[in-house]
PDB file of N, CA and C in Angstrom:
ATOM      1  N   MET A   1      11.326 -21.593 -26.243  1.00  0.00           N
ATOM      2  CA  MET A   1      10.320 -20.719 -25.164  1.00  0.00           C
ATOM      3  C   MET A   1      11.083 -20.269 -23.841  1.00  0.00           C
ATOM      4  N   GLY A   2      10.671 -19.359 -23.548  1.00  0.00           N
ATOM      5  CA  GLY A   2      11.886 -18.555 -22.387  1.00  0.00           C
ATOM      6  C   GLY A   2      11.561 -19.344 -21.273  1.00  0.00           C
ATOM      7  N   LYS A   3      12.483 -18.868 -20.204  1.00  0.00           N
ATOM      8  CA  LYS A   3      12.558 -19.415 -18.946  1.00  0.00           C
ATOM      9  C   LYS A   3      11.437 -18.885 -18.209  1.00  0.00           C
ATOM     10  N   ASN A   4      10.473 -19.451 -17.250  1.00  0.00           N
ATOM     11  CA  ASN A   4       9.728 -18.513 -16.207  1.00  0.00           C
ATOM     12  C   ASN A   4      10.790 -17.957 -15.099  1.00  0.00           C
ATOM     13  N   LYS A   5      10.404 -16.861 -14.574  1.00  0.00           N
ATOM     14  CA  LYS A   5      11.264 -16.149 -13.795  1.00  0.00           C
ATOM     15  C   LYS A   5      10.741 -16.680 -12.574  1.00  0.00           C
ATOM     16  N   GLY A   6       9.722 -17.379 -12.261  1.00  0.00           N
ATOM     17  CA  GLY A   6       9.776 -18.060 -11.023  1.00  0.00           C
ATOM     18  C   GLY A   6       8.646 -17.172 -10.066  1.00  0.00           C
ATOM     19  N   SER A   7       8.742 -17.423  -8.573  1.00  0.00           N
ATOM     20  CA  SER A   7       8.213 -16.827  -7.800  1.00  0.00           C
ATOM     21  C   SER A   7       8.608 -15.837  -7.055  1.00  0.00           C
ATOM     22  N   ARG A   8      10.063 -15.150  -7.600  1.00  0.00           N
ATOM     23  CA  ARG A   8      10.321 -14.255  -6.822  1.00  0.00           C
ATOM     24  C   ARG A   8       9.932 -12.837  -7.420  1.00  0.00           C
ATOM     25  N   ILE A   9       9.611 -11.686  -6.427  1.00  0.00           N
ATOM     26  CA  ILE A   9       8.802 -10.503  -6.729  1.00  0.00           C
ATOM     27  C   ILE A   9       9.334  -9.479  -6.104  1.00  0.00           C
ATOM     28  N   THR A  10       9.292  -8.484  -6.451  1.00  0.00           N
ATOM     29  CA  THR A  10      10.243  -7.365  -5.879  1.00  0.00           C
ATOM     30  C   THR A  10       9.220  -6.547  -5.127  1.00  0.00           C
ATOM     31  N   ILE A  11      10.053  -6.193  -3.868  1.00  0.00           N
ATOM     32  CA  ILE A  11       9.068  -5.218  -3.001  1.00  0.00           C
ATOM     33  C   ILE A  11       9.795  -4.268  -2.278  1.00  0.00           C
ATOM     34  N   THR A  12       8.736  -3.421  -1.785  1.00  0.00           N
ATOM     35  CA  THR A  12       9.785  -2.339  -1.279  1.00  0.00           C
ATOM     36  C   THR A  12       9.499  -2.112   0.419  1.00  0.00           C
ATOM     37  N   LEU A  13      10.196  -1.816   1.061  1.00  0.00           N
ATOM     38  CA  LEU A  13      10.486  -1.863   2.527  1.00  0.00           C
ATOM     39  C   LEU A  13      10.680  -0.409   3.050  1.00  0.00           C
ATOM     40  N   GLU A  14       9.637  -0.410   3.694  1.00  0.00           N
ATOM     41  CA  GLU A  14       9.679   1.387   4.264  1.00  0.00           C
ATOM     42  C   GLU A  14       9.991   1.531   5.644  1.00  0.00           C
ATOM     43  N   CYS A  15      10.600   2.410   6.076  1.00  0.00           N
ATOM     44  CA  CYS A  15      10.891   2.573   7.724  1.00  0.00           C
ATOM     45  C   CYS A  15       9.512   2.870   8.505  1.00  0.00           C
ATOM     46  N   GLU A  16       9.651   2.393   9.739  1.00  0.00           N
ATOM     47  CA  GLU A  16       8.376   2.466  10.568  1.00  0.00           C
ATOM     48  C   GLU A  16       8.585   3.828  11.301  1.00  0.00           C
ATOM     49  N   CYS A  17       9.469   4.692  10.994  1.00  0.00           N
ATOM     50  CA  CYS A  17       9.655   5.756  11.868  1.00  0.00           C
ATOM     51  C   CYS A  17       8.462   6.904  11.585  1.00  0.00           C
ATOM     52  N   ARG A  18       8.291   6.737  10.212  1.00  0.00           N
ATOM     53  CA  ARG A  18       6.902   7.758  10.237  1.00  0.00           C
ATOM     54  C   ARG A  18       6.027   7.940  10.975  1.00  0.00           C
ATOM     55  N   SER A  19       5.806   6.690  11.735  1.00  0.00           N
ATOM     56  CA  SER A  19       4.615   6.693  12.739  1.00  0.00           C
ATOM     57  C   SER A  19       5.074   6.850  14.243  1.00  0.00           C
ATOM     58  N   LYS A  20       6.473   6.955  14.655  1.00  0.00           N
ATOM     59  CA  LYS A  20       6.774   7.440  15.677  1.00  0.00           C
ATOM     60  C   LYS A  20       6.907   8.714  16.191  1.00  0.00           C
ATOM     61  N   GLU A  21       6.167   9.356  17.111  1.00  0.00           N
ATOM     62  CA  GLU A  21       5.956  10.810  17.260  1.00  0.00           C
ATOM     63  C   GLU A  21       7.359  11.455  17.890  1.00  0.00           C
ATOM     64  N   TYR A  22       7.876  10.729  18.658  1.00  0.00           N
ATOM     65  CA  TYR A  22       8.917  10.942  19.407  1.00  0.00           C
ATOM     66  C   TYR A  22      10.405  11.365  18.615  1.00  0.00           C
ATOM     67  N   ILE A  23      10.227  10.972  17.302  1.00  0.00           N
ATOM     68  CA  ILE A  23      11.456  10.531  16.811  1.00  0.00           C
ATOM     69  C   ILE A  23      11.341  12.004  15.334  1.00  0.00           C
ATOM     70  N   LYS A  24      10.080  12.349  15.342  1.00  0.00           N
ATOM     71  CA  LYS A  24       9.774  13.179  14.673  1.00  0.00           C
ATOM     72  C   LYS A  24      10.455  14.672  14.442  1.00  0.00           C
ATOM     73  N   ASP A  25      10.663  14.925  15.908  1.00  0.00           N
ATOM     74  CA  ASP A  25      11.706  16.087  16.082  1.00  0.00           C
ATOM     75  C   ASP A  25      12.956  16.110  15.956  1.00  0.00           C
ATOM     76  N   LYS A  26      13.476  14.836  16.381  1.00  0.00           N
ATOM     77  CA  LYS A  26      15.101  14.723  15.706  1.00  0.00           C
ATOM     78  C   LYS A  26      15.333  14.524  14.502  1.00  0.00           C
ATOM     79  N   ARG A  27      14.583  14.006  13.814  1.00  0.00           N
ATOM     80  CA  ARG A  27      15.061  13.380  12.521  1.00  0.00           C
ATOM     81  C   ARG A  27      14.680  14.628  11.376  1.00  0.00           C
ATOM     82  N   LYS A  28      15.410  14.241  10.117  1.00  0.00           N
ATOM     83  CA  LYS A  28      15.432  15.260   9.128  1.00  0.00           C
ATOM     84  C   LYS A  28      13.894  15.035   8.185  1.00  0.00           C
ATOM     85  N   ASN A  29      13.365  15.391   7.606  1.00  0.00           N
ATOM     86  CA  ASN A  29      11.934  15.065   6.830  1.00  0.00           C
ATOM     87  C   ASN A  29      12.548  14.132   5.475  1.00  0.00           C
ATOM     88  N   GLY A  30      11.236  13.322   5.347  1.00  0.00           N
ATOM     89  CA  GLY A  30      11.684  12.418   4.344  1.00  0.00           C
ATOM     90  C   GLY A  30      11.250  10.913   4.534  1.00  0.00           C
ATOM     91  N   ILE A  31      11.504   9.961   3.432  1.00  0.00           N
ATOM     92  CA  ILE A  31      10.987   8.550   3.895  1.00  0.00           C
ATOM     93  C   ILE A  31      12.045   7.892   3.336  1.00  0.00           C
ATOM     94  N   CYS A  32      12.397   6.772   4.263  1.00  0.00           N
ATOM     95  CA  CYS A  32      13.712   6.027   3.628  1.00  0.00           C
ATOM     96  C   CYS A  32      12.762   4.794   3.185  1.00  0.00           C
ATOM     97  N   ARG A  33      13.474   4.367   1.801  1.00  0.00           N
ATOM     98  CA  ARG A  33      12.785   3.051   1.439  1.00  0.00           C
ATOM     99  C   ARG A  33      13.876   2.139   0.932  1.00  0.00           C
ATOM    100  N   TYR A  34      13.762   1.148   0.907  1.00  0.00           N
ATOM    101  CA  TYR A  34      14.649  -0.078   0.142  1.00  0.00           C
ATOM    102  C   TYR A  34      13.683  -0.950  -0.376  1.00  0.00           C
ATOM    103  N   THR A  35      14.542  -1.224  -1.752  1.00  0.00           N
ATOM    104  CA  THR A  35      13.582  -2.256  -2.733  1.00  0.00           C
ATOM    105  C   THR A  35      14.699  -3.628  -2.712  1.00  0.00           C
ATOM    106  N   THR A  36      14.117  -4.671  -2.593  1.00  0.00           N
ATOM    107  CA  THR A  36      14.728  -5.761  -2.607  1.00  0.00           C
ATOM    108  C   THR A  36      13.600  -7.117  -3.393  1.00  0.00           C
ATOM    109  N   SER A  37      14.178  -8.256  -3.167  1.00  0.00           N
ATOM    110  CA  SER A  37      13.083  -9.250  -3.940  1.00  0.00           C
ATOM    111  C   SER A  37      12.848 -10.714  -2.753  1.00  0.00           C
ATOM    112  N   LYS A  38      11.677 -11.070  -2.705  1.00  0.00           N
ATOM    113  CA  LYS A  38      11.621 -12.105  -1.889  1.00  0.00           C
ATOM    114  C   LYS A  38      10.923 -13.210  -2.873  1.00  0.00           C
ATOM    115  N   ASN A  39      10.884 -14.705  -2.129  1.00  0.00           N
ATOM    116  CA  ASN A  39      10.120 -15.892  -2.640  1.00  0.00           C
ATOM    117  C   ASN A  39       8.860 -15.737  -2.102  1.00  0.00           C
ATOM    118  N   LYS A  40       7.777 -15.617  -2.806  1.00  0.00           N
ATOM    119  CA  LYS A  40       6.474 -15.565  -2.319  1.00  0.00           C
ATOM    120  C   LYS A  40       5.988 -16.836  -1.844  1.00  0.00           C
ATOM    121  N   ARG A  41       6.560 -17.705  -2.273  1.00  0.00           N
ATOM    122  CA  ARG A  41       6.476 -19.400  -1.996  1.00  0.00           C
ATOM    123  C   ARG A  41       6.512 -19.860  -0.453  1.00  0.00           C
ATOM    124  N   ASN A  42       7.949 -19.338  -0.205  1.00  0.00           N
ATOM    125  CA  ASN A  42       8.343 -19.169   1.027  1.00  0.00           C
ATOM    126  C   ASN A  42       8.316 -18.279   2.082  1.00  0.00           C
ATOM    127  N   THR A  43       7.628 -16.854   1.742  1.00  0.00           N
ATOM    128  CA  THR A  43       7.619 -16.190   2.507  1.00  0.00           C
ATOM    129  C   THR A  43       6.402 -15.600   2.150  1.00  0.00           C
ATOM    130  N   PRO A  44       5.213 -15.997   2.442  1.00  0.00           N
ATOM    131  CA  PRO A  44       3.803 -15.702   1.818  1.00  0.00           C
ATOM    132  C   PRO A  44       3.283 -14.349   2.744  1.00  0.00           C
ATOM    133  N   SER A  45       3.992 -14.014   3.913  1.00  0.00           N
ATOM    134  CA  SER A  45       3.692 -12.888   4.961  1.00  0.00           C
ATOM    135  C   SER A  45       4.325 -12.001   4.304  1.00  0.00           C
ATOM    136  N   ARG A  46       4.057 -10.689   5.067  1.00  0.00           N
ATOM    137  CA  ARG A  46       4.703  -9.286   4.899  1.00  0.00           C
ATOM    138  C   ARG A  46       6.180  -9.221   5.664  1.00  0.00           C
ATOM    139  N   LEU A  47       7.109  -9.065   4.785  1.00  0.00           N
ATOM    140  CA  LEU A  47       8.757  -9.062   5.206  1.00  0.00           C
ATOM    141  C   LEU A  47       8.734  -7.717   6.422  1.00  0.00           C
ATOM    142  N   GLU A  48       9.983  -8.154   7.275  1.00  0.00           N
ATOM    143  CA  GLU A  48      10.028  -7.467   8.255  1.00  0.00           C
ATOM    144  C   GLU A  48      11.718  -7.408   8.989  1.00  0.00           C
ATOM    145  N   ILE A  49      12.341  -6.607   8.172  1.00  0.00           N
ATOM    146  CA  ILE A  49      13.909  -6.482   8.580  1.00  0.00           C
ATOM    147  C   ILE A  49      14.419  -5.072   8.944  1.00  0.00           C
ATOM    148  N   LYS A  50      15.583  -5.232  10.054  1.00  0.00           N
ATOM    149  CA  LYS A  50      15.776  -4.210  10.641  1.00  0.00           C
ATOM    150  C   LYS A  50      16.914  -4.051   9.616  1.00  0.00           C
ATOM    151  N   LYS A  51      17.150  -2.455   9.355  1.00  0.00           N
ATOM    152  CA  LYS A  51      18.432  -2.022   8.737  1.00  0.00           C
ATOM    153  C   LYS A  51      18.312  -0.610   8.783  1.00  0.00           C
ATOM    154  N   TYR A  52      19.378   0.170   8.142  1.00  0.00           N
ATOM    155  CA  TYR A  52      19.675   1.586   8.674  1.00  0.00           C
ATOM    156  C   TYR A  52      18.662   2.451   7.832  1.00  0.00           C
ATOM    157  N   CYS A  53      18.344   3.842   8.564  1.00  0.00           N
ATOM    158  CA  CYS A  53      17.550   4.660   8.351  1.00  0.00           C
ATOM    159  C   CYS A  53      18.408   5.957   8.356  1.00  0.00           C
ATOM    160  N   LYS A  54      18.611   6.620   6.915  1.00  0.00           N
ATOM    161  CA  LYS A  54      19.286   7.680   7.181  1.00  0.00           C
ATOM    162  C   LYS A  54      18.832   9.115   7.851  1.00  0.00           C
ATOM    163  N   TYR A  55      17.365   8.765   7.874  1.00  0.00           N
ATOM    164  CA  TYR A  55      16.537   9.684   8.568  1.00  0.00           C
ATOM    165  C   TYR A  55      16.416   9.870   9.773  1.00  0.00           C
ATOM    166  N   CYS A  56      16.503   8.568  10.347  1.00  0.00           N
ATOM    167  CA  CYS A  56      16.486   8.473  11.758  1.00  0.00           C
ATOM    168  C   CYS A  56      17.549   8.492  12.322  1.00  0.00           C
ATOM    169  N   ASN A  57      18.797   8.168  11.598  1.00  0.00           N
ATOM    170  CA  ASN A  57      20.124   7.935  11.876  1.00  0.00           C
ATOM    171  C   ASN A  57      20.351   7.153  13.028  1.00  0.00           C
ATOM    172  N   GLN A  58      19.674   5.616  12.635  1.00  0.00           N
ATOM    173  CA  GLN A  58      19.998   4.727  13.514  1.00  0.00           C
ATOM    174  C   GLN A  58      19.050   3.554  12.984  1.00  0.00           C
ATOM    175  N   HIS A  59      19.577   2.034  13.079  1.00  0.00           N
ATOM    176  CA  HIS A  59      19.294   1.312  12.964  1.00  0.00           C
ATOM    177  C   HIS A  59      17.627   0.672  12.999  1.00  0.00           C
ATOM    178  N   SER A  60      16.446   0.571  12.332  1.00  0.00           N
ATOM    179  CA  SER A  60      15.221   0.355  12.777  1.00  0.00           C
ATOM    180  C   SER A  60      14.039  -0.756  11.728  1.00  0.00           C
ATOM    181  N   SER A  61      13.123  -0.953  12.224  1.00  0.00           N
ATOM    182  CA  SER A  61      12.790  -1.920  11.461  1.00  0.00           C
ATOM    183  C   SER A  61      11.717  -1.291  10.304  1.00  0.00           C
ATOM    184  N   PHE A  62      12.032  -2.022   9.282  1.00  0.00           N
ATOM    185  CA  PHE A  62      11.428  -1.715   7.777  1.00  0.00           C
ATOM    186  C   PHE A  62      10.493  -2.714   7.562  1.00  0.00           C
ATOM    187  N   LYS A  63       9.069  -2.492   7.236  1.00  0.00           N
ATOM    188  CA  LYS A  63       8.019  -3.097   7.005  1.00  0.00           C
ATOM    189  C   LYS A  63       7.947  -3.248   5.395  1.00  0.00           C
ATOM    190  N   GLU A  64       7.389  -4.171   4.898  1.00  0.00           N
ATOM    191  CA  GLU A  64       6.810  -4.350   3.211  1.00  0.00           C
ATOM    192  C   GLU A  64       5.503  -3.807   3.027  1.00  0.00           C
ATOM    193  N   ILE A  65       5.681  -2.531   2.180  1.00  0.00           N
ATOM    194  CA  ILE A  65       4.535  -2.128   1.953  1.00  0.00           C
ATOM    195  C   ILE A  65       4.130  -2.610  -0.037  1.00  0.00           C
ATOM    196  N   LYS A  66       2.908  -2.175  -0.399  1.00  0.00           N
ATOM    197  CA  LYS A  66       2.245  -2.645  -1.470  1.00  0.00           C
ATOM    198  C   LYS A  66       3.080  -1.493  -2.660  1.00  0.00           C
TER     199      LYS A  66
END
């Protein structure tokens, strides 16, 4: 039998700059997304990480989406 992969799942992180109206005039069109993995046993809630958004041209908060 093969090993069980465990409780790690792949998640998608999306920039929250889409909801900020004051940045929409300054940035290029597009949605910045990153993919990563997390352990759903240790982190059952949604993940939020600060990463670089190439459309905002700054570091901003990325939230987990489905």
